[in-house]
Amino acid sequence: MKARQAKYSKRKKGILKKAKELSILCDVEVVLLLSSPSGKRTFFVGQDPNCLYNILQKVSNMPFVEREERRAYTMEMLKKFYVNWESEFDPLSPPRNKNVDILKLYEDQVQELKDKLTKKSKILRDWKNPENVKDLNQIKFMEDHLIASLNGLRNRKNQLAMEQQSRQRYLEVGL
């Protein structure tokens, strides 16, 4: 969830900057309403403080047919942005229950952790019983890991030996 919040925060800054630029550079009325994954709302109104009122007034005065045409056009544009829009985003579907979404997210995270645990348990079993490993790539991986670990141990042993020799020389000179 933290990664999502961080990504949202970064993208929010970007879209707010773009909305402000659009408002200033193109002299258009911009209203932006965002809702974060944690439920906090961000509201942006362009340079004119009456911008929201003006936009709502224009939309309410627009004939129904024109509103529907604009809505259809917007839906087509959204479909182009979402490759799998039917599975990910359906603007015509009723809003989903946020608790269901959060529950699904937690269930996905739990399943992902269970899968990782299963994978790590198998690796641990392989390390305990290498004679049972049938995959050549897994054996090669284990061998490479052992070689790297052995090299690390040798380096640490040499470092400790040098430190110990240095201390002994210091004590000999100090006496």
N, C-alpha and C. Protein backbone atom coordinates (compact mmCIF):
# COMPACT_ATOMS: atom_id res chain seq x y z
N MET A 1 0.83 -1.19 0.00
CA MET A 1 0.00 0.00 0.00
C MET A 1 0.87 1.25 0.00
N LYS A 2 2.03 1.18 0.70
CA LYS A 2 2.91 2.34 0.76
C LYS A 2 3.45 2.68 -0.63
N ALA A 3 3.76 1.65 -1.42
CA ALA A 3 4.27 1.88 -2.77
C ALA A 3 3.22 2.58 -3.62
N ARG A 4 1.98 2.15 -3.47
CA ARG A 4 0.89 2.78 -4.21
C ARG A 4 0.72 4.24 -3.81
N GLN A 5 0.79 4.49 -2.51
CA GLN A 5 0.63 5.86 -2.00
C GLN A 5 1.76 6.74 -2.51
N ALA A 6 3.00 6.21 -2.51
CA ALA A 6 4.14 6.99 -2.99
C ALA A 6 3.99 7.28 -4.48
N LYS A 7 3.55 6.28 -5.24
CA LYS A 7 3.36 6.46 -6.67
C LYS A 7 2.26 7.50 -6.92
N TYR A 8 1.17 7.40 -6.15
CA TYR A 8 0.07 8.36 -6.28
C TYR A 8 0.56 9.77 -5.98
N SER A 9 1.30 9.93 -4.91
CA SER A 9 1.78 11.25 -4.51
C SER A 9 2.64 11.87 -5.60
N LYS A 10 3.53 11.07 -6.17
CA LYS A 10 4.41 11.56 -7.24
C LYS A 10 3.59 11.95 -8.47
N ARG A 11 2.68 11.09 -8.86
CA ARG A 11 1.87 11.38 -10.05
C ARG A 11 0.91 12.54 -9.82
N LYS A 12 0.43 12.67 -8.58
CA LYS A 12 -0.48 13.78 -8.25
C LYS A 12 0.23 15.10 -8.48
N LYS A 13 1.47 15.20 -8.01
CA LYS A 13 2.23 16.43 -8.21
C LYS A 13 2.35 16.75 -9.69
N GLY A 14 2.61 15.71 -10.48
CA GLY A 14 2.76 15.90 -11.93
C GLY A 14 1.48 16.37 -12.59
N ILE A 15 0.37 15.74 -12.23
CA ILE A 15 -0.90 16.11 -12.88
C ILE A 15 -1.36 17.50 -12.42
N LEU A 16 -1.09 17.85 -11.16
CA LEU A 16 -1.44 19.20 -10.69
C LEU A 16 -0.61 20.25 -11.43
N LYS A 17 0.65 19.94 -11.66
CA LYS A 17 1.51 20.86 -12.40
C LYS A 17 0.99 21.03 -13.83
N LYS A 18 0.62 19.91 -14.46
CA LYS A 18 0.09 19.97 -15.82
C LYS A 18 -1.23 20.73 -15.88
N ALA A 19 -2.08 20.53 -14.89
CA ALA A 19 -3.37 21.24 -14.86
C ALA A 19 -3.13 22.74 -14.74
N LYS A 20 -2.19 23.13 -13.89
CA LYS A 20 -1.88 24.55 -13.73
C LYS A 20 -1.32 25.13 -15.02
N GLU A 21 -0.41 24.39 -15.67
CA GLU A 21 0.17 24.85 -16.94
C GLU A 21 -0.92 25.00 -17.99
N LEU A 22 -1.80 24.01 -18.08
CA LEU A 22 -2.89 24.06 -19.05
C LEU A 22 -3.77 25.28 -18.81
N SER A 23 -4.07 25.53 -17.55
CA SER A 23 -4.90 26.67 -17.19
C SER A 23 -4.25 27.99 -17.60
N ILE A 24 -2.96 28.11 -17.33
CA ILE A 24 -2.26 29.37 -17.60
C ILE A 24 -1.94 29.53 -19.08
N LEU A 25 -1.28 28.52 -19.66
CA LEU A 25 -0.77 28.64 -21.02
C LEU A 25 -1.87 28.63 -22.08
N CYS A 26 -2.92 27.88 -21.83
CA CYS A 26 -3.98 27.76 -22.84
C CYS A 26 -5.22 28.58 -22.49
N ASP A 27 -5.18 29.24 -21.35
CA ASP A 27 -6.28 30.08 -20.89
C ASP A 27 -7.60 29.30 -20.92
N VAL A 28 -7.58 28.12 -20.28
CA VAL A 28 -8.79 27.31 -20.19
C VAL A 28 -9.17 27.16 -18.72
N GLU A 29 -10.45 26.87 -18.52
CA GLU A 29 -10.93 26.63 -17.16
C GLU A 29 -10.67 25.17 -16.82
N VAL A 30 -9.96 24.95 -15.72
CA VAL A 30 -9.59 23.59 -15.31
C VAL A 30 -10.07 23.35 -13.88
N VAL A 31 -10.76 22.23 -13.70
CA VAL A 31 -11.15 21.78 -12.37
C VAL A 31 -10.70 20.32 -12.29
N LEU A 32 -10.01 20.01 -11.21
CA LEU A 32 -9.48 18.66 -11.04
C LEU A 32 -9.80 18.17 -9.64
N LEU A 33 -10.39 16.99 -9.55
CA LEU A 33 -10.71 16.39 -8.26
C LEU A 33 -10.08 15.01 -8.23
N LEU A 34 -9.20 14.78 -7.25
CA LEU A 34 -8.51 13.50 -7.11
C LEU A 34 -8.85 12.90 -5.76
N SER A 35 -8.85 11.58 -5.72
CA SER A 35 -9.06 10.87 -4.47
C SER A 35 -7.91 9.88 -4.31
N SER A 36 -7.14 10.01 -3.24
CA SER A 36 -5.96 9.18 -3.02
C SER A 36 -6.37 7.77 -2.59
N PRO A 37 -5.42 6.81 -2.64
CA PRO A 37 -5.73 5.45 -2.17
C PRO A 37 -6.17 5.43 -0.70
N SER A 38 -5.75 6.42 0.08
CA SER A 38 -6.15 6.47 1.49
C SER A 38 -7.47 7.21 1.67
N GLY A 39 -8.04 7.74 0.58
CA GLY A 39 -9.33 8.40 0.65
C GLY A 39 -9.27 9.91 0.78
N LYS A 40 -8.06 10.48 0.84
CA LYS A 40 -7.94 11.94 0.94
C LYS A 40 -8.22 12.57 -0.42
N ARG A 41 -8.92 13.69 -0.40
CA ARG A 41 -9.30 14.38 -1.63
C ARG A 41 -8.36 15.56 -1.89
N THR A 42 -8.08 15.75 -3.17
CA THR A 42 -7.31 16.92 -3.62
C THR A 42 -8.18 17.61 -4.66
N PHE A 43 -8.33 18.92 -4.50
CA PHE A 43 -9.19 19.69 -5.38
C PHE A 43 -8.36 20.83 -5.96
N PHE A 44 -8.36 20.93 -7.29
CA PHE A 44 -7.62 22.00 -7.96
C PHE A 44 -8.57 22.78 -8.84
N VAL A 45 -8.53 24.09 -8.71
CA VAL A 45 -9.30 24.98 -9.57
C VAL A 45 -8.31 25.90 -10.24
N GLY A 46 -8.48 26.12 -11.55
CA GLY A 46 -7.57 26.98 -12.31
C GLY A 46 -7.47 28.38 -11.74
N GLN A 47 -7.01 29.29 -12.54
CA GLN A 47 -6.73 30.65 -12.06
C GLN A 47 -7.97 31.41 -11.61
N ASP A 48 -9.09 31.16 -12.26
CA ASP A 48 -10.32 31.87 -11.91
C ASP A 48 -11.02 31.15 -10.76
N PRO A 49 -11.22 31.82 -9.63
CA PRO A 49 -11.88 31.16 -8.49
C PRO A 49 -13.31 30.73 -8.79
N ASN A 50 -13.95 31.35 -9.79
CA ASN A 50 -15.31 30.97 -10.17
C ASN A 50 -15.33 29.87 -11.23
N CYS A 51 -14.18 29.29 -11.48
CA CYS A 51 -14.02 28.30 -12.55
C CYS A 51 -15.00 27.13 -12.38
N LEU A 52 -15.08 26.58 -11.19
CA LEU A 52 -15.96 25.44 -10.95
C LEU A 52 -17.42 25.83 -11.25
N TYR A 53 -17.83 26.96 -10.75
CA TYR A 53 -19.20 27.43 -10.98
C TYR A 53 -19.44 27.60 -12.48
N ASN A 54 -18.48 28.21 -13.18
CA ASN A 54 -18.62 28.45 -14.63
C ASN A 54 -18.76 27.13 -15.40
N ILE A 55 -17.93 26.15 -15.05
CA ILE A 55 -17.97 24.86 -15.74
C ILE A 55 -19.30 24.16 -15.48
N LEU A 56 -19.72 24.14 -14.23
CA LEU A 56 -20.99 23.49 -13.90
C LEU A 56 -22.16 24.20 -14.58
N GLN A 57 -22.09 25.51 -14.65
CA GLN A 57 -23.14 26.29 -15.32
C GLN A 57 -23.21 25.93 -16.81
N LYS A 58 -22.05 25.85 -17.45
CA LYS A 58 -22.01 25.51 -18.88
C LYS A 58 -22.56 24.11 -19.13
N VAL A 59 -22.18 23.17 -18.29
CA VAL A 59 -22.64 21.79 -18.46
C VAL A 59 -24.15 21.69 -18.23
N SER A 60 -24.63 22.38 -17.22
CA SER A 60 -26.07 22.31 -16.94
C SER A 60 -26.90 22.99 -18.04
N ASN A 61 -26.34 23.97 -18.69
CA ASN A 61 -27.06 24.65 -19.77
C ASN A 61 -26.93 23.92 -21.11
N MET A 62 -26.05 22.95 -21.18
CA MET A 62 -25.81 22.22 -22.42
C MET A 62 -26.99 21.28 -22.68
N PRO A 63 -27.46 21.18 -23.93
CA PRO A 63 -28.54 20.25 -24.25
C PRO A 63 -28.13 18.80 -23.93
N PHE A 64 -29.10 17.99 -23.57
CA PHE A 64 -28.85 16.61 -23.19
C PHE A 64 -28.10 15.84 -24.27
N VAL A 65 -28.50 16.02 -25.51
CA VAL A 65 -27.89 15.29 -26.63
C VAL A 65 -26.40 15.63 -26.72
N GLU A 66 -26.06 16.91 -26.58
CA GLU A 66 -24.66 17.32 -26.66
C GLU A 66 -23.86 16.76 -25.48
N ARG A 67 -24.47 16.75 -24.30
CA ARG A 67 -23.79 16.17 -23.13
C ARG A 67 -23.49 14.69 -23.38
N GLU A 68 -24.48 13.98 -23.95
CA GLU A 68 -24.29 12.56 -24.22
C GLU A 68 -23.21 12.34 -25.28
N GLU A 69 -23.16 13.21 -26.29
CA GLU A 69 -22.12 13.10 -27.31
C GLU A 69 -20.74 13.31 -26.70
N ARG A 70 -20.62 14.31 -25.83
CA ARG A 70 -19.34 14.58 -25.17
C ARG A 70 -18.95 13.42 -24.24
N ARG A 71 -19.95 12.87 -23.55
CA ARG A 71 -19.67 11.74 -22.67
C ARG A 71 -19.18 10.55 -23.48
N ALA A 72 -19.82 10.28 -24.62
CA ALA A 72 -19.42 9.16 -25.48
C ALA A 72 -18.00 9.37 -26.01
N TYR A 73 -17.71 10.61 -26.41
CA TYR A 73 -16.36 10.94 -26.89
C TYR A 73 -15.33 10.72 -25.78
N THR A 74 -15.66 11.17 -24.58
CA THR A 74 -14.75 10.99 -23.44
C THR A 74 -14.53 9.51 -23.16
N MET A 75 -15.60 8.72 -23.24
CA MET A 75 -15.48 7.29 -23.00
C MET A 75 -14.56 6.64 -24.03
N GLU A 76 -14.69 7.04 -25.28
CA GLU A 76 -13.83 6.51 -26.33
C GLU A 76 -12.37 6.87 -26.07
N MET A 77 -12.13 8.08 -25.62
CA MET A 77 -10.76 8.51 -25.31
C MET A 77 -10.20 7.69 -24.15
N LEU A 78 -11.03 7.44 -23.14
CA LEU A 78 -10.58 6.64 -22.00
C LEU A 78 -10.27 5.20 -22.42
N LYS A 79 -11.08 4.67 -23.33
CA LYS A 79 -10.84 3.31 -23.80
C LYS A 79 -9.47 3.20 -24.47
N LYS A 80 -9.08 4.24 -25.21
CA LYS A 80 -7.78 4.22 -25.87
C LYS A 80 -6.64 4.24 -24.87
N PHE A 81 -6.85 4.87 -23.72
CA PHE A 81 -5.80 4.93 -22.71
C PHE A 81 -5.67 3.63 -21.94
N TYR A 82 -6.75 2.88 -21.85
CA TYR A 82 -6.74 1.63 -21.10
C TYR A 82 -6.82 0.48 -22.08
N VAL A 83 -5.70 -0.23 -22.24
CA VAL A 83 -5.64 -1.33 -23.20
C VAL A 83 -6.66 -2.41 -22.84
N ASN A 84 -6.68 -2.79 -21.58
CA ASN A 84 -7.64 -3.79 -21.12
C ASN A 84 -8.75 -3.09 -20.34
N TRP A 85 -9.35 -2.10 -20.93
CA TRP A 85 -10.24 -1.23 -20.17
C TRP A 85 -11.44 -1.98 -19.59
N GLU A 86 -11.90 -3.04 -20.26
CA GLU A 86 -13.08 -3.74 -19.74
C GLU A 86 -12.77 -4.43 -18.42
N SER A 87 -11.54 -4.95 -18.27
CA SER A 87 -11.22 -5.64 -17.03
C SER A 87 -10.72 -4.68 -15.96
N GLU A 88 -10.10 -3.59 -16.37
CA GLU A 88 -9.52 -2.67 -15.39
C GLU A 88 -10.44 -1.50 -15.05
N PHE A 89 -11.16 -1.01 -16.04
CA PHE A 89 -11.86 0.25 -15.85
C PHE A 89 -13.11 0.26 -16.71
N ASP A 90 -14.22 0.34 -16.10
CA ASP A 90 -15.47 0.46 -16.83
C ASP A 90 -16.25 1.62 -16.23
N PRO A 91 -16.17 2.78 -16.88
CA PRO A 91 -16.81 3.97 -16.30
C PRO A 91 -18.32 3.85 -16.16
N LEU A 92 -18.94 2.94 -16.88
CA LEU A 92 -20.38 2.81 -16.80
C LEU A 92 -20.81 1.87 -15.68
N SER A 93 -19.86 1.08 -15.17
CA SER A 93 -20.22 0.15 -14.10
C SER A 93 -20.43 0.91 -12.80
N PRO A 94 -21.26 0.39 -11.92
CA PRO A 94 -21.47 1.08 -10.65
C PRO A 94 -20.18 1.09 -9.85
N PRO A 95 -19.98 2.10 -9.03
CA PRO A 95 -18.75 2.16 -8.25
C PRO A 95 -18.63 0.94 -7.34
N ARG A 96 -17.40 0.44 -7.26
CA ARG A 96 -17.17 -0.74 -6.43
C ARG A 96 -17.00 -0.31 -4.98
N ASN A 97 -17.32 -1.24 -4.12
CA ASN A 97 -17.16 -1.01 -2.70
C ASN A 97 -15.68 -0.97 -2.37
N LYS A 98 -15.23 0.10 -1.73
CA LYS A 98 -13.82 0.29 -1.43
C LYS A 98 -13.31 -0.81 -0.50
N ASN A 99 -14.15 -1.25 0.44
CA ASN A 99 -13.74 -2.32 1.35
C ASN A 99 -13.48 -3.61 0.59
N VAL A 100 -14.28 -3.88 -0.43
CA VAL A 100 -14.07 -5.08 -1.25
C VAL A 100 -12.74 -4.97 -1.97
N ASP A 101 -12.42 -3.78 -2.50
CA ASP A 101 -11.16 -3.58 -3.18
C ASP A 101 -9.99 -3.78 -2.22
N ILE A 102 -10.10 -3.23 -1.03
CA ILE A 102 -9.02 -3.36 -0.04
C ILE A 102 -8.87 -4.83 0.36
N LEU A 103 -10.00 -5.50 0.58
CA LEU A 103 -9.96 -6.92 0.93
C LEU A 103 -9.29 -7.72 -0.18
N LYS A 104 -9.64 -7.43 -1.41
CA LYS A 104 -9.03 -8.13 -2.55
C LYS A 104 -7.53 -7.86 -2.59
N LEU A 105 -7.13 -6.63 -2.32
CA LEU A 105 -5.72 -6.27 -2.30
C LEU A 105 -4.99 -7.08 -1.23
N TYR A 106 -5.57 -7.15 -0.04
CA TYR A 106 -4.96 -7.92 1.05
C TYR A 106 -4.90 -9.41 0.69
N GLU A 107 -5.97 -9.92 0.09
CA GLU A 107 -5.97 -11.33 -0.30
C GLU A 107 -4.87 -11.60 -1.32
N ASP A 108 -4.70 -10.69 -2.27
CA ASP A 108 -3.63 -10.83 -3.26
C ASP A 108 -2.26 -10.80 -2.60
N GLN A 109 -2.08 -9.88 -1.64
CA GLN A 109 -0.81 -9.79 -0.94
C GLN A 109 -0.54 -11.05 -0.13
N VAL A 110 -1.56 -11.58 0.53
CA VAL A 110 -1.40 -12.82 1.31
C VAL A 110 -1.04 -13.97 0.38
N GLN A 111 -1.71 -14.07 -0.76
CA GLN A 111 -1.41 -15.14 -1.72
C GLN A 111 0.02 -15.00 -2.23
N GLU A 112 0.44 -13.79 -2.51
CA GLU A 112 1.80 -13.55 -2.98
C GLU A 112 2.82 -13.97 -1.92
N LEU A 113 2.55 -13.64 -0.66
CA LEU A 113 3.45 -14.03 0.42
C LEU A 113 3.46 -15.55 0.61
N LYS A 114 2.30 -16.19 0.47
CA LYS A 114 2.25 -17.65 0.57
C LYS A 114 3.08 -18.29 -0.54
N ASP A 115 2.97 -17.74 -1.75
CA ASP A 115 3.75 -18.27 -2.87
C ASP A 115 5.25 -18.12 -2.62
N LYS A 116 5.64 -16.95 -2.08
CA LYS A 116 7.06 -16.73 -1.77
C LYS A 116 7.53 -17.70 -0.69
N LEU A 117 6.70 -17.90 0.32
CA LEU A 117 7.05 -18.82 1.40
C LEU A 117 7.22 -20.23 0.86
N THR A 118 6.33 -20.67 0.00
CA THR A 118 6.43 -22.00 -0.60
C THR A 118 7.73 -22.14 -1.39
N LYS A 119 8.03 -21.10 -2.16
CA LYS A 119 9.25 -21.11 -2.97
C LYS A 119 10.50 -21.16 -2.09
N LYS A 120 10.51 -20.34 -1.04
CA LYS A 120 11.66 -20.29 -0.14
C LYS A 120 11.79 -21.60 0.64
N SER A 121 10.67 -22.21 1.01
CA SER A 121 10.69 -23.49 1.72
C SER A 121 11.30 -24.57 0.84
N LYS A 122 10.96 -24.55 -0.44
CA LYS A 122 11.53 -25.53 -1.37
C LYS A 122 13.03 -25.32 -1.49
N ILE A 123 13.45 -24.07 -1.59
CA ILE A 123 14.89 -23.77 -1.69
C ILE A 123 15.62 -24.27 -0.44
N LEU A 124 15.02 -24.03 0.71
CA LEU A 124 15.62 -24.49 1.96
C LEU A 124 15.71 -26.02 1.99
N ARG A 125 14.65 -26.71 1.55
CA ARG A 125 14.68 -28.18 1.48
C ARG A 125 15.79 -28.65 0.54
N ASP A 126 15.96 -27.92 -0.60
CA ASP A 126 17.01 -28.27 -1.54
C ASP A 126 18.39 -28.14 -0.90
N TRP A 127 18.58 -27.09 -0.09
CA TRP A 127 19.87 -26.89 0.56
C TRP A 127 20.12 -27.97 1.60
N LYS A 128 19.07 -28.44 2.26
CA LYS A 128 19.23 -29.49 3.28
C LYS A 128 19.48 -30.85 2.64
N ASN A 129 18.92 -31.07 1.47
CA ASN A 129 19.04 -32.36 0.78
C ASN A 129 19.42 -32.14 -0.69
N PRO A 130 20.65 -31.73 -0.97
CA PRO A 130 21.02 -31.44 -2.37
C PRO A 130 20.95 -32.66 -3.28
N GLU A 131 21.02 -33.86 -2.71
CA GLU A 131 20.94 -35.06 -3.55
C GLU A 131 19.55 -35.25 -4.16
N ASN A 132 18.55 -34.57 -3.62
CA ASN A 132 17.19 -34.68 -4.16
C ASN A 132 16.91 -33.67 -5.29
N VAL A 133 17.84 -32.73 -5.52
CA VAL A 133 17.64 -31.72 -6.56
C VAL A 133 17.85 -32.36 -7.92
N LYS A 134 16.87 -32.21 -8.81
CA LYS A 134 16.93 -32.81 -10.14
C LYS A 134 17.20 -31.78 -11.24
N ASP A 135 17.09 -30.50 -10.90
CA ASP A 135 17.23 -29.42 -11.88
C ASP A 135 18.69 -28.97 -11.93
N LEU A 136 19.31 -29.08 -13.10
CA LEU A 136 20.71 -28.71 -13.28
C LEU A 136 20.94 -27.22 -13.00
N ASN A 137 20.01 -26.39 -13.42
CA ASN A 137 20.15 -24.95 -13.17
C ASN A 137 20.13 -24.63 -11.67
N GLN A 138 19.28 -25.34 -10.92
CA GLN A 138 19.22 -25.14 -9.47
C GLN A 138 20.53 -25.56 -8.82
N ILE A 139 21.09 -26.68 -9.27
CA ILE A 139 22.38 -27.14 -8.73
C ILE A 139 23.47 -26.13 -9.05
N LYS A 140 23.47 -25.60 -10.29
CA LYS A 140 24.46 -24.58 -10.67
C LYS A 140 24.31 -23.33 -9.82
N PHE A 141 23.07 -22.92 -9.58
CA PHE A 141 22.81 -21.76 -8.73
C PHE A 141 23.36 -22.00 -7.32
N MET A 142 23.08 -23.19 -6.79
CA MET A 142 23.56 -23.53 -5.44
C MET A 142 25.08 -23.53 -5.39
N GLU A 143 25.71 -24.07 -6.42
CA GLU A 143 27.17 -24.11 -6.47
C GLU A 143 27.75 -22.69 -6.51
N ASP A 144 27.18 -21.84 -7.36
CA ASP A 144 27.65 -20.44 -7.45
C ASP A 144 27.49 -19.73 -6.13
N HIS A 145 26.37 -19.99 -5.46
CA HIS A 145 26.13 -19.36 -4.16
C HIS A 145 27.14 -19.83 -3.12
N LEU A 146 27.44 -21.12 -3.13
CA LEU A 146 28.43 -21.66 -2.20
C LEU A 146 29.82 -21.08 -2.46
N ILE A 147 30.19 -20.96 -3.73
CA ILE A 147 31.49 -20.39 -4.09
C ILE A 147 31.57 -18.94 -3.61
N ALA A 148 30.51 -18.17 -3.86
CA ALA A 148 30.49 -16.77 -3.42
C ALA A 148 30.56 -16.68 -1.91
N SER A 149 29.83 -17.55 -1.21
CA SER A 149 29.86 -17.56 0.26
C SER A 149 31.25 -17.93 0.76
N LEU A 150 31.87 -18.92 0.15
CA LEU A 150 33.21 -19.35 0.53
C LEU A 150 34.22 -18.23 0.32
N ASN A 151 34.11 -17.53 -0.81
CA ASN A 151 35.01 -16.39 -1.07
C ASN A 151 34.80 -15.30 -0.02
N GLY A 152 33.55 -15.05 0.35
CA GLY A 152 33.28 -14.06 1.38
C GLY A 152 33.87 -14.46 2.72
N LEU A 153 33.77 -15.75 3.07
CA LEU A 153 34.36 -16.25 4.31
C LEU A 153 35.88 -16.12 4.29
N ARG A 154 36.50 -16.46 3.17
CA ARG A 154 37.97 -16.34 3.05
C ARG A 154 38.40 -14.89 3.23
N ASN A 155 37.67 -13.98 2.59
CA ASN A 155 38.01 -12.56 2.71
C ASN A 155 37.88 -12.09 4.15
N ARG A 156 36.83 -12.51 4.82
CA ARG A 156 36.62 -12.11 6.22
C ARG A 156 37.71 -12.70 7.11
N LYS A 157 38.07 -13.97 6.85
CA LYS A 157 39.13 -14.63 7.62
C LYS A 157 40.45 -13.89 7.44
N ASN A 158 40.77 -13.53 6.20
CA ASN A 158 42.01 -12.79 5.94
C ASN A 158 42.00 -11.43 6.61
N GLN A 159 40.85 -10.76 6.58
CA GLN A 159 40.72 -9.45 7.22
C GLN A 159 40.93 -9.56 8.72
N LEU A 160 40.30 -10.55 9.34
CA LEU A 160 40.46 -10.75 10.78
C LEU A 160 41.90 -11.11 11.13
N ALA A 161 42.53 -11.93 10.30
CA ALA A 161 43.93 -12.31 10.55
C ALA A 161 44.83 -11.09 10.48
N MET A 162 44.60 -10.23 9.50
CA MET A 162 45.41 -9.01 9.37
C MET A 162 45.18 -8.08 10.56
N GLU A 163 43.94 -7.96 10.99
CA GLU A 163 43.65 -7.12 12.16
C GLU A 163 44.32 -7.68 13.41
N GLN A 164 44.29 -8.99 13.55
CA GLN A 164 44.90 -9.61 14.72
C GLN A 164 46.42 -9.42 14.69
N GLN A 165 47.05 -9.57 13.52
CA GLN A 165 48.49 -9.36 13.40
C GLN A 165 48.83 -7.91 13.72
N SER A 166 48.00 -7.01 13.23
CA SER A 166 48.23 -5.59 13.49
C SER A 166 48.16 -5.29 14.98
N ARG A 167 47.18 -5.87 15.68
CA ARG A 167 47.08 -5.67 17.12
C ARG A 167 48.29 -6.25 17.87
N GLN A 168 48.75 -7.43 17.45
CA GLN A 168 49.90 -8.07 18.09
C GLN A 168 51.15 -7.21 17.90
N ARG A 169 51.35 -6.66 16.68
CA ARG A 169 52.50 -5.78 16.46
C ARG A 169 52.42 -4.54 17.32
N TYR A 170 51.23 -4.00 17.43
CA TYR A 170 51.03 -2.81 18.24
C TYR A 170 51.37 -3.10 19.71
N LEU A 171 50.91 -4.25 20.19
CA LEU A 171 51.21 -4.63 21.58
C LEU A 171 52.70 -4.89 21.78
N GLU A 172 53.36 -5.50 20.79
CA GLU A 172 54.80 -5.78 20.89
C GLU A 172 55.60 -4.48 20.91
N VAL A 173 55.22 -3.53 20.09
CA VAL A 173 55.92 -2.26 20.01
C VAL A 173 55.63 -1.45 21.28
N GLY A 174 54.44 -1.56 21.79
CA GLY A 174 54.03 -0.82 22.99
C GLY A 174 54.73 -1.32 24.25
N LEU A 175 55.17 -2.54 24.28
CA LEU A 175 55.80 -3.09 25.48
C LEU A 175 57.20 -2.66 25.53
